[in-house]
């Protein structure tokens, strides 16, 4: 049996990848940078430190990386306050799993965004701990953010299930040694090799219930 469940945020609980792409794209153009079609996929899983540096170095945004991060966060906060894109079934899935196991959240989003989403979505009370990848050394696909979530939960990573949607996220959770539940992002589908790291693939959050998690293969 698992000892804890760790969720990703973007693409798992909120339909936000396109909003992040929009906010970054607009900033790049307004700042006189050069956007490229691969930018969104390249930045998936990066921490705020990493993607703000990418915008500065690769997309030629003429602002300091810290200023880039702050400007994008401000745009995202406005979008979320106007309408939080909570995915169907998110509340039910989180509540049902929280009734059985302690929950963690391991997200590439900035700390301010994580806290705002959980507040607006009414989900904060269900999570024992939340970790932003800006709080660890490396963003996804490195395992750091998942390892830190497990550490804060006081649970070995191999006794955790992780719920992920993207290539970098699936690879990060698998690298941490967690049993991975894949909910493939429809707008940015994960690579086939990343998807093979999952113990199970689900179509929607309606499938994410305690029986599914408990039924995965777990070490004795």
C-alpha atoms as a PDB file:
ATOM      1  CA  UNK A   1       0.000   0.000   0.000  1.00  0.00           C
ATOM      2  CA  UNK A   2       1.180   3.553  -0.621  1.00  0.00           C
ATOM      3  CA  UNK A   3       2.076   5.861   2.245  1.00  0.00           C
ATOM      4  CA  UNK A   4       1.383   9.171   0.444  1.00  0.00           C
ATOM      5  CA  UNK A   5       0.295  10.691  -2.859  1.00  0.00           C
ATOM      6  CA  UNK A   6       2.036  13.624  -4.542  1.00  0.00           C
ATOM      7  CA  UNK A   7       0.270  15.734  -7.162  1.00  0.00           C
ATOM      8  CA  UNK A   8       1.608  17.936  -9.885  1.00  0.00           C
ATOM      9  CA  UNK A   9      -0.371  21.165 -10.337  1.00  0.00           C
ATOM     10  CA  UNK A  10      -0.308  22.513 -13.903  1.00  0.00           C
ATOM     11  CA  UNK A  11      -2.072  20.153 -16.286  1.00  0.00           C
ATOM     12  CA  UNK A  12      -3.192  17.850 -13.456  1.00  0.00           C
ATOM     13  CA  UNK A  13      -5.381  20.040 -11.248  1.00  0.00           C
ATOM     14  CA  UNK A  14      -5.629  23.153 -13.416  1.00  0.00           C
ATOM     15  CA  UNK A  15      -5.768  23.573 -17.187  1.00  0.00           C
ATOM     16  CA  UNK A  16      -3.019  26.148 -17.254  1.00  0.00           C
ATOM     17  CA  UNK A  17      -0.242  25.271 -19.696  1.00  0.00           C
ATOM     18  CA  UNK A  18      -1.743  27.443 -22.426  1.00  0.00           C
ATOM     19  CA  UNK A  19      -2.122  30.334 -19.980  1.00  0.00           C
ATOM     20  CA  UNK A  20       1.554  30.109 -19.014  1.00  0.00           C
ATOM     21  CA  UNK A  21       2.427  30.040 -22.714  1.00  0.00           C
ATOM     22  CA  UNK A  22       0.255  33.102 -23.341  1.00  0.00           C
ATOM     23  CA  UNK A  23       1.730  35.088 -20.440  1.00  0.00           C
ATOM     24  CA  UNK A  24       5.321  34.323 -21.450  1.00  0.00           C
ATOM     25  CA  UNK A  25       4.671  34.865 -25.153  1.00  0.00           C
ATOM     26  CA  UNK A  26       3.112  38.284 -24.541  1.00  0.00           C
ATOM     27  CA  UNK A  27       5.995  39.338 -22.316  1.00  0.00           C
ATOM     28  CA  UNK A  28       8.593  38.220 -24.862  1.00  0.00           C
ATOM     29  CA  UNK A  29       6.951  40.194 -27.653  1.00  0.00           C
ATOM     30  CA  UNK A  30       6.365  43.301 -25.539  1.00  0.00           C
ATOM     31  CA  UNK A  31       9.978  43.252 -24.360  1.00  0.00           C
ATOM     32  CA  UNK A  32      11.327  42.962 -27.900  1.00  0.00           C
ATOM     33  CA  UNK A  33      12.438  39.355 -27.636  1.00  0.00           C
ATOM     34  CA  UNK A  34      12.051  36.570 -30.183  1.00  0.00           C
ATOM     35  CA  UNK A  35       9.536  33.786 -29.539  1.00  0.00           C
ATOM     36  CA  UNK A  36       9.955  30.346 -31.079  1.00  0.00           C
ATOM     37  CA  UNK A  37       7.426  27.581 -31.564  1.00  0.00           C
ATOM     38  CA  UNK A  38       9.283  25.115 -29.325  1.00  0.00           C
ATOM     39  CA  UNK A  39       9.502  27.467 -26.353  1.00  0.00           C
ATOM     40  CA  UNK A  40       6.465  26.205 -24.467  1.00  0.00           C
ATOM     41  CA  UNK A  41       7.492  22.565 -24.681  1.00  0.00           C
ATOM     42  CA  UNK A  42      11.097  23.392 -23.797  1.00  0.00           C
ATOM     43  CA  UNK A  43      10.009  25.250 -20.653  1.00  0.00           C
ATOM     44  CA  UNK A  44       7.629  22.564 -19.365  1.00  0.00           C
ATOM     45  CA  UNK A  45       8.898  21.457 -15.975  1.00  0.00           C
ATOM     46  CA  UNK A  46      11.477  24.221 -15.627  1.00  0.00           C
ATOM     47  CA  UNK A  47      11.584  26.092 -12.338  1.00  0.00           C
ATOM     48  CA  UNK A  48      10.948  29.838 -12.389  1.00  0.00           C
ATOM     49  CA  UNK A  49      14.692  30.375 -12.058  1.00  0.00           C
ATOM     50  CA  UNK A  50      15.302  28.204 -15.114  1.00  0.00           C
ATOM     51  CA  UNK A  51      12.551  29.472 -17.421  1.00  0.00           C
ATOM     52  CA  UNK A  52      13.167  33.154 -16.618  1.00  0.00           C
ATOM     53  CA  UNK A  53      16.825  32.615 -17.501  1.00  0.00           C
ATOM     54  CA  UNK A  54      15.725  30.849 -20.702  1.00  0.00           C
ATOM     55  CA  UNK A  55      13.573  33.854 -21.674  1.00  0.00           C
ATOM     56  CA  UNK A  56      16.501  36.154 -20.988  1.00  0.00           C
ATOM     57  CA  UNK A  57      19.270  34.122 -22.624  1.00  0.00           C
ATOM     58  CA  UNK A  58      17.517  32.297 -25.471  1.00  0.00           C
ATOM     59  CA  UNK A  59      14.489  34.456 -26.292  1.00  0.00           C
ATOM     60  CA  UNK A  60      16.376  37.734 -25.805  1.00  0.00           C
ATOM     61  CA  UNK A  61      14.089  39.387 -23.268  1.00  0.00           C
ATOM     62  CA  UNK A  62      15.930  42.495 -22.118  1.00  0.00           C
ATOM     63  CA  UNK A  63      14.993  42.251 -18.444  1.00  0.00           C
ATOM     64  CA  UNK A  64      16.776  40.651 -15.520  1.00  0.00           C
ATOM     65  CA  UNK A  65      15.566  37.071 -14.933  1.00  0.00           C
ATOM     66  CA  UNK A  66      14.037  38.026 -11.566  1.00  0.00           C
ATOM     67  CA  UNK A  67      12.053  40.806 -13.241  1.00  0.00           C
ATOM     68  CA  UNK A  68      10.923  38.406 -15.970  1.00  0.00           C
ATOM     69  CA  UNK A  69       9.634  35.941 -13.381  1.00  0.00           C
ATOM     70  CA  UNK A  70       7.782  38.659 -11.464  1.00  0.00           C
ATOM     71  CA  UNK A  71       6.161  40.033 -14.630  1.00  0.00           C
ATOM     72  CA  UNK A  72       4.895  36.607 -15.701  1.00  0.00           C
ATOM     73  CA  UNK A  73       3.601  35.827 -12.206  1.00  0.00           C
ATOM     74  CA  UNK A  74       1.693  39.121 -12.160  1.00  0.00           C
ATOM     75  CA  UNK A  75       0.003  38.213 -15.442  1.00  0.00           C
ATOM     76  CA  UNK A  76      -0.868  34.720 -14.208  1.00  0.00           C
ATOM     77  CA  UNK A  77      -2.316  36.050 -10.971  1.00  0.00           C
ATOM     78  CA  UNK A  78      -4.648  38.350 -12.921  1.00  0.00           C
ATOM     79  CA  UNK A  79      -5.775  35.499 -15.146  1.00  0.00           C
ATOM     80  CA  UNK A  80      -6.439  33.180 -12.207  1.00  0.00           C
ATOM     81  CA  UNK A  81      -8.314  35.801 -10.203  1.00  0.00           C
ATOM     82  CA  UNK A  82     -10.514  36.411 -13.218  1.00  0.00           C
ATOM     83  CA  UNK A  83     -11.186  32.681 -13.715  1.00  0.00           C
ATOM     84  CA  UNK A  84      -9.370  29.768 -12.145  1.00  0.00           C
ATOM     85  CA  UNK A  85      -9.151  26.981 -14.766  1.00  0.00           C
ATOM     86  CA  UNK A  86      -9.681  24.121 -12.312  1.00  0.00           C
ATOM     87  CA  UNK A  87      -9.968  20.850 -14.205  1.00  0.00           C
ATOM     88  CA  UNK A  88     -13.218  18.866 -13.911  1.00  0.00           C
ATOM     89  CA  UNK A  89     -13.060  16.416 -11.047  1.00  0.00           C
ATOM     90  CA  UNK A  90     -10.037  18.019  -9.387  1.00  0.00           C
ATOM     91  CA  UNK A  91     -11.753  18.704  -6.076  1.00  0.00           C
ATOM     92  CA  UNK A  92     -13.314  15.267  -5.884  1.00  0.00           C
ATOM     93  CA  UNK A  93     -10.069  13.472  -6.715  1.00  0.00           C
ATOM     94  CA  UNK A  94      -8.028  15.415  -4.173  1.00  0.00           C
ATOM     95  CA  UNK A  95     -10.625  15.015  -1.418  1.00  0.00           C
ATOM     96  CA  UNK A  96     -11.040  11.278  -1.977  1.00  0.00           C
ATOM     97  CA  UNK A  97      -7.301  10.599  -1.825  1.00  0.00           C
ATOM     98  CA  UNK A  98      -6.768  12.945   1.130  1.00  0.00           C
ATOM     99  CA  UNK A  99      -9.258  10.854   3.104  1.00  0.00           C
ATOM    100  CA  UNK A 100      -6.875   7.884   2.787  1.00  0.00           C
ATOM    101  CA  UNK A 101      -3.333   9.274   2.573  1.00  0.00           C
ATOM    102  CA  UNK A 102      -1.321  12.417   3.283  1.00  0.00           C
ATOM    103  CA  UNK A 103      -0.992  14.496   0.139  1.00  0.00           C
ATOM    104  CA  UNK A 104       1.886  16.540  -1.194  1.00  0.00           C
ATOM    105  CA  UNK A 105       2.177  18.820  -4.187  1.00  0.00           C
ATOM    106  CA  UNK A 106       5.322  19.072  -6.334  1.00  0.00           C
ATOM    107  CA  UNK A 107       4.978  21.879  -8.851  1.00  0.00           C
ATOM    108  CA  UNK A 108       7.104  23.867 -11.263  1.00  0.00           C
ATOM    109  CA  UNK A 109       4.946  26.922 -10.580  1.00  0.00           C
ATOM    110  CA  UNK A 110       6.180  29.830  -8.489  1.00  0.00           C
ATOM    111  CA  UNK A 111       5.340  29.730  -4.789  1.00  0.00           C
ATOM    112  CA  UNK A 112       2.909  32.659  -5.143  1.00  0.00           C
ATOM    113  CA  UNK A 113       1.009  30.841  -7.878  1.00  0.00           C
ATOM    114  CA  UNK A 114       0.790  27.565  -5.951  1.00  0.00           C
ATOM    115  CA  UNK A 115      -0.617  29.307  -2.893  1.00  0.00           C
ATOM    116  CA  UNK A 116      -3.080  31.361  -4.955  1.00  0.00           C
ATOM    117  CA  UNK A 117      -4.422  28.345  -6.855  1.00  0.00           C
ATOM    118  CA  UNK A 118      -4.940  26.318  -3.696  1.00  0.00           C
ATOM    119  CA  UNK A 119      -6.660  29.268  -2.033  1.00  0.00           C
ATOM    120  CA  UNK A 120      -8.968  30.096  -4.943  1.00  0.00           C
ATOM    121  CA  UNK A 121      -9.717  26.440  -5.609  1.00  0.00           C
ATOM    122  CA  UNK A 122     -10.398  25.625  -1.965  1.00  0.00           C
ATOM    123  CA  UNK A 123      -7.859  22.807  -2.053  1.00  0.00           C
ATOM    124  CA  UNK A 124      -5.220  24.011   0.388  1.00  0.00           C
ATOM    125  CA  UNK A 125      -6.644  22.143   3.380  1.00  0.00           C
ATOM    126  CA  UNK A 126      -6.098  18.800   1.676  1.00  0.00           C
ATOM    127  CA  UNK A 127      -2.327  19.102   1.235  1.00  0.00           C
ATOM    128  CA  UNK A 128       0.114  18.260   4.024  1.00  0.00           C
ATOM    129  CA  UNK A 129       2.953  19.965   2.145  1.00  0.00           C
ATOM    130  CA  UNK A 130       3.576  21.812  -1.108  1.00  0.00           C
ATOM    131  CA  UNK A 131       6.899  22.314  -2.890  1.00  0.00           C
ATOM    132  CA  UNK A 132       7.810  24.670  -5.715  1.00  0.00           C
ATOM    133  CA  UNK A 133      10.738  23.684  -7.911  1.00  0.00           C
ATOM    134  CA  UNK A 134      12.171  27.157  -7.276  1.00  0.00           C
ATOM    135  CA  UNK A 135      12.796  25.873  -3.735  1.00  0.00           C
ATOM    136  CA  UNK A 136      15.082  23.039  -4.863  1.00  0.00           C
ATOM    137  CA  UNK A 137      18.261  22.904  -6.905  1.00  0.00           C
ATOM    138  CA  UNK A 138      16.821  21.636 -10.181  1.00  0.00           C
ATOM    139  CA  UNK A 139      13.451  21.688 -11.903  1.00  0.00           C
ATOM    140  CA  UNK A 140      11.798  18.750 -13.618  1.00  0.00           C
ATOM    141  CA  UNK A 141      12.777  16.355 -15.229  1.00  0.00           C
ATOM    142  CA  UNK A 142      15.240  16.143 -12.321  1.00  0.00           C
ATOM    143  CA  UNK A 143      13.733  14.358  -9.326  1.00  0.00           C
ATOM    144  CA  UNK A 144      14.499  17.136  -6.808  1.00  0.00           C
ATOM    145  CA  UNK A 145      11.010  18.550  -6.276  1.00  0.00           C
ATOM    146  CA  UNK A 146       9.497  15.086  -5.771  1.00  0.00           C
ATOM    147  CA  UNK A 147      12.245  13.999  -3.421  1.00  0.00           C
ATOM    148  CA  UNK A 148      11.728  17.140  -1.368  1.00  0.00           C
ATOM    149  CA  UNK A 149       7.964  16.562  -1.214  1.00  0.00           C
ATOM    150  CA  UNK A 150       8.546  13.028   0.071  1.00  0.00           C
ATOM    151  CA  UNK A 151      11.084  14.303   2.605  1.00  0.00           C
ATOM    152  CA  UNK A 152       8.619  16.857   3.955  1.00  0.00           C
ATOM    153  CA  UNK A 153       5.913  14.206   4.143  1.00  0.00           C
ATOM    154  CA  UNK A 154       8.296  11.922   6.048  1.00  0.00           C
ATOM    155  CA  UNK A 155       7.701   9.093   3.580  1.00  0.00           C
ATOM    156  CA  UNK A 156      10.186   7.161   1.398  1.00  0.00           C
ATOM    157  CA  UNK A 157       9.742   8.161  -2.261  1.00  0.00           C
ATOM    158  CA  UNK A 158       9.267   4.517  -3.221  1.00  0.00           C
ATOM    159  CA  UNK A 159       6.115   4.484  -1.074  1.00  0.00           C
ATOM    160  CA  UNK A 160       4.586   7.472  -2.862  1.00  0.00           C
ATOM    161  CA  UNK A 161       2.293   7.656  -5.862  1.00  0.00           C
ATOM    162  CA  UNK A 162       2.720  10.671  -8.130  1.00  0.00           C
ATOM    163  CA  UNK A 163       0.156  12.132 -10.540  1.00  0.00           C
ATOM    164  CA  UNK A 164       1.674  13.780 -13.613  1.00  0.00           C
ATOM    165  CA  UNK A 165       0.772  14.966 -17.117  1.00  0.00           C
ATOM    166  CA  UNK A 166       3.912  16.082 -18.966  1.00  0.00           C
ATOM    167  CA  UNK A 167       7.096  14.438 -20.233  1.00  0.00           C
ATOM    168  CA  UNK A 168       9.318  16.270 -17.776  1.00  0.00           C
ATOM    169  CA  UNK A 169       6.985  15.611 -14.874  1.00  0.00           C
ATOM    170  CA  UNK A 170       6.630  11.914 -15.622  1.00  0.00           C
ATOM    171  CA  UNK A 171      10.396  11.576 -15.849  1.00  0.00           C
ATOM    172  CA  UNK A 172      10.915  13.500 -12.605  1.00  0.00           C
ATOM    173  CA  UNK A 173       8.490  11.388 -10.588  1.00  0.00           C
ATOM    174  CA  UNK A 174       9.901   8.160 -12.025  1.00  0.00           C
ATOM    175  CA  UNK A 175      13.458   9.298 -11.280  1.00  0.00           C
ATOM    176  CA  UNK A 176      12.403   9.850  -7.664  1.00  0.00           C
ATOM    177  CA  UNK A 177      11.326   6.207  -7.510  1.00  0.00           C
ATOM    178  CA  UNK A 178       7.603   6.912  -7.183  1.00  0.00           C
ATOM    179  CA  UNK A 179       4.763   4.918  -8.752  1.00  0.00           C
ATOM    180  CA  UNK A 180       3.577   7.248 -11.492  1.00  0.00           C
ATOM    181  CA  UNK A 181      -0.028   7.793 -12.539  1.00  0.00           C
ATOM    182  CA  UNK A 182      -0.132   9.529 -15.915  1.00  0.00           C
ATOM    183  CA  UNK A 183      -2.915  11.912 -16.907  1.00  0.00           C
ATOM    184  CA  UNK A 184      -1.587  12.919 -20.344  1.00  0.00           C
ATOM    185  CA  UNK A 185      -1.800  16.598 -21.208  1.00  0.00           C
ATOM    186  CA  UNK A 186      -3.992  16.873 -24.291  1.00  0.00           C
ATOM    187  CA  UNK A 187      -2.557  20.182 -25.488  1.00  0.00           C
ATOM    188  CA  UNK A 188       1.059  19.075 -25.003  1.00  0.00           C
ATOM    189  CA  UNK A 189       1.061  15.247 -25.085  1.00  0.00           C
ATOM    190  CA  UNK A 190       3.974  13.565 -23.310  1.00  0.00           C
ATOM    191  CA  UNK A 191       6.633  11.696 -25.249  1.00  0.00           C
ATOM    192  CA  UNK A 192       6.083   7.965 -25.631  1.00  0.00           C
ATOM    193  CA  UNK A 193       9.193   7.063 -23.641  1.00  0.00           C
ATOM    194  CA  UNK A 194       8.114   9.314 -20.751  1.00  0.00           C
ATOM    195  CA  UNK A 195       4.652   7.788 -20.763  1.00  0.00           C
ATOM    196  CA  UNK A 196       6.178   4.326 -20.468  1.00  0.00           C
ATOM    197  CA  UNK A 197       7.491   5.356 -17.049  1.00  0.00           C
ATOM    198  CA  UNK A 198       3.920   5.395 -15.736  1.00  0.00           C
ATOM    199  CA  UNK A 199       2.458   2.473 -13.820  1.00  0.00           C
ATOM    200  CA  UNK A 200      -0.989   3.376 -15.138  1.00  0.00           C
ATOM    201  CA  UNK A 201      -2.460   5.891 -17.579  1.00  0.00           C
ATOM    202  CA  UNK A 202      -5.849   7.494 -16.875  1.00  0.00           C
ATOM    203  CA  UNK A 203      -8.155   9.530 -19.111  1.00  0.00           C
ATOM    204  CA  UNK A 204      -9.558  11.944 -16.542  1.00  0.00           C
ATOM    205  CA  UNK A 205      -9.518  12.857 -12.881  1.00  0.00           C
ATOM    206  CA  UNK A 206     -12.743  10.893 -12.480  1.00  0.00           C
ATOM    207  CA  UNK A 207     -10.541   7.782 -12.676  1.00  0.00           C
ATOM    208  CA  UNK A 208      -8.274   8.943  -9.862  1.00  0.00           C
ATOM    209  CA  UNK A 209      -9.691   7.275  -6.785  1.00  0.00           C
ATOM    210  CA  UNK A 210      -8.247   5.372  -3.798  1.00  0.00           C
ATOM    211  CA  UNK A 211      -8.912   1.949  -5.345  1.00  0.00           C
ATOM    212  CA  UNK A 212      -6.736   2.821  -8.343  1.00  0.00           C
ATOM    213  CA  UNK A 213      -3.839   4.025  -6.183  1.00  0.00           C
ATOM    214  CA  UNK A 214      -4.052   1.134  -3.745  1.00  0.00           C
ATOM    215  CA  UNK A 215      -4.174  -1.340  -6.640  1.00  0.00           C
ATOM    216  CA  UNK A 216      -0.787  -0.354  -8.034  1.00  0.00           C
ATOM    217  CA  UNK A 217       2.184  -2.644  -7.442  1.00  0.00           C
ATOM    218  CA  UNK A 218       3.866  -1.667  -4.158  1.00  0.00           C
ATOM    219  CA  UNK A 219       6.991  -2.989  -2.430  1.00  0.00           C
ATOM    220  CA  UNK A 220       6.473  -5.040   0.701  1.00  0.00           C
END
